[in-house]
Amino acid sequence: MSDHRHATDRKRVTVVAGCPNGCQQYELETEGKAESVESLIEDVTDSFGECTKCGASMGVLRDEEPSEVLE
């Protein structure tokens, strides 16, 4: 039996946010422990919640999947 284990508490997330008026958009890709990823995503979406040009609320799309690594 191997000493390796599969870490399944990790995930890969892509977040795309943009102004509904097309003024600006950003994309964030991150991978790591689920709690850390959630904290980062929350901080980023809170910080960029409104368009800096027109003040409209940024729309957010999110795609995530589990990320297994052999430790």
Protein backbone atom coordinates (compact mmCIF):
# COMPACT_ATOMS: atom_id res chain seq x y z
CA MET A 1 0.00 0.00 0.00
CA SER A 2 1.28 3.44 -0.85
CA ASP A 3 1.74 6.33 1.58
CA HIS A 4 0.15 8.65 -0.99
CA ARG A 5 -3.42 9.87 -0.69
CA HIS A 6 -5.78 11.75 -2.95
CA ALA A 7 -6.62 15.23 -1.68
CA THR A 8 -10.21 15.93 -2.62
CA ASP A 9 -10.73 19.06 -0.52
CA ARG A 10 -9.34 21.17 -3.35
CA LYS A 11 -11.13 22.82 -6.22
CA ARG A 12 -10.44 24.80 -9.37
CA VAL A 13 -12.61 27.88 -9.92
CA THR A 14 -12.92 30.35 -12.78
CA VAL A 15 -14.86 33.56 -12.18
CA VAL A 16 -15.73 35.97 -14.98
CA ALA A 17 -17.33 39.30 -14.08
CA GLY A 18 -18.34 42.15 -16.30
CA CYS A 19 -20.27 45.37 -16.50
CA PRO A 20 -23.64 44.95 -18.23
CA ASN A 21 -22.80 48.07 -20.28
CA GLY A 22 -19.54 46.54 -21.52
CA CYS A 23 -17.27 49.08 -19.79
CA GLN A 24 -14.98 46.52 -18.17
CA GLN A 25 -14.59 42.87 -17.25
CA TYR A 26 -12.19 40.63 -15.39
CA GLU A 27 -11.44 36.92 -15.17
CA LEU A 28 -9.94 35.10 -12.22
CA GLU A 29 -8.72 31.50 -12.21
CA THR A 30 -7.60 29.91 -8.97
CA GLU A 31 -7.03 26.47 -7.50
CA GLY A 32 -6.50 25.41 -3.91
CA LYS A 33 -8.17 24.31 -0.72
CA ALA A 34 -11.91 24.92 -0.84
CA GLU A 35 -11.96 27.33 2.11
CA SER A 36 -9.11 29.44 0.72
CA VAL A 37 -10.64 29.59 -2.74
CA GLU A 38 -14.03 30.67 -1.35
CA SER A 39 -12.38 33.40 0.74
CA LEU A 40 -10.46 34.74 -2.26
CA ILE A 41 -13.52 34.71 -4.54
CA GLU A 42 -15.58 36.53 -1.90
CA ASP A 43 -12.90 39.20 -1.42
CA VAL A 44 -12.53 39.79 -5.16
CA THR A 45 -16.25 39.97 -5.92
CA ASP A 46 -16.80 42.32 -2.96
CA SER A 47 -13.94 44.57 -4.10
CA PHE A 48 -15.11 44.74 -7.72
CA GLY A 49 -18.88 44.72 -7.16
CA GLU A 50 -19.53 47.85 -9.22
CA CYS A 51 -18.14 49.13 -12.50
CA THR A 52 -15.60 51.89 -11.86
CA LYS A 53 -16.66 53.72 -15.04
CA CYS A 54 -20.47 53.76 -14.91
CA GLY A 55 -21.30 52.40 -11.44
CA ALA A 56 -23.43 49.48 -12.69
CA SER A 57 -23.45 46.26 -10.68
CA MET A 58 -21.01 43.72 -12.12
CA GLY A 59 -22.53 40.45 -13.32
CA VAL A 60 -20.64 37.34 -12.21
CA LEU A 61 -20.36 33.91 -13.83
CA ARG A 62 -18.66 31.10 -11.97
CA ASP A 63 -17.43 27.65 -13.00
CA GLU A 64 -15.90 25.23 -10.53
CA GLU A 65 -14.78 21.64 -10.37
CA PRO A 66 -13.07 19.47 -7.78
CA SER A 67 -9.33 19.22 -8.16
CA GLU A 68 -7.66 16.02 -6.99
CA VAL A 69 -3.96 15.85 -6.36
CA LEU A 70 -1.80 12.95 -5.30
CA GLU A 71 -0.01 13.79 -2.07
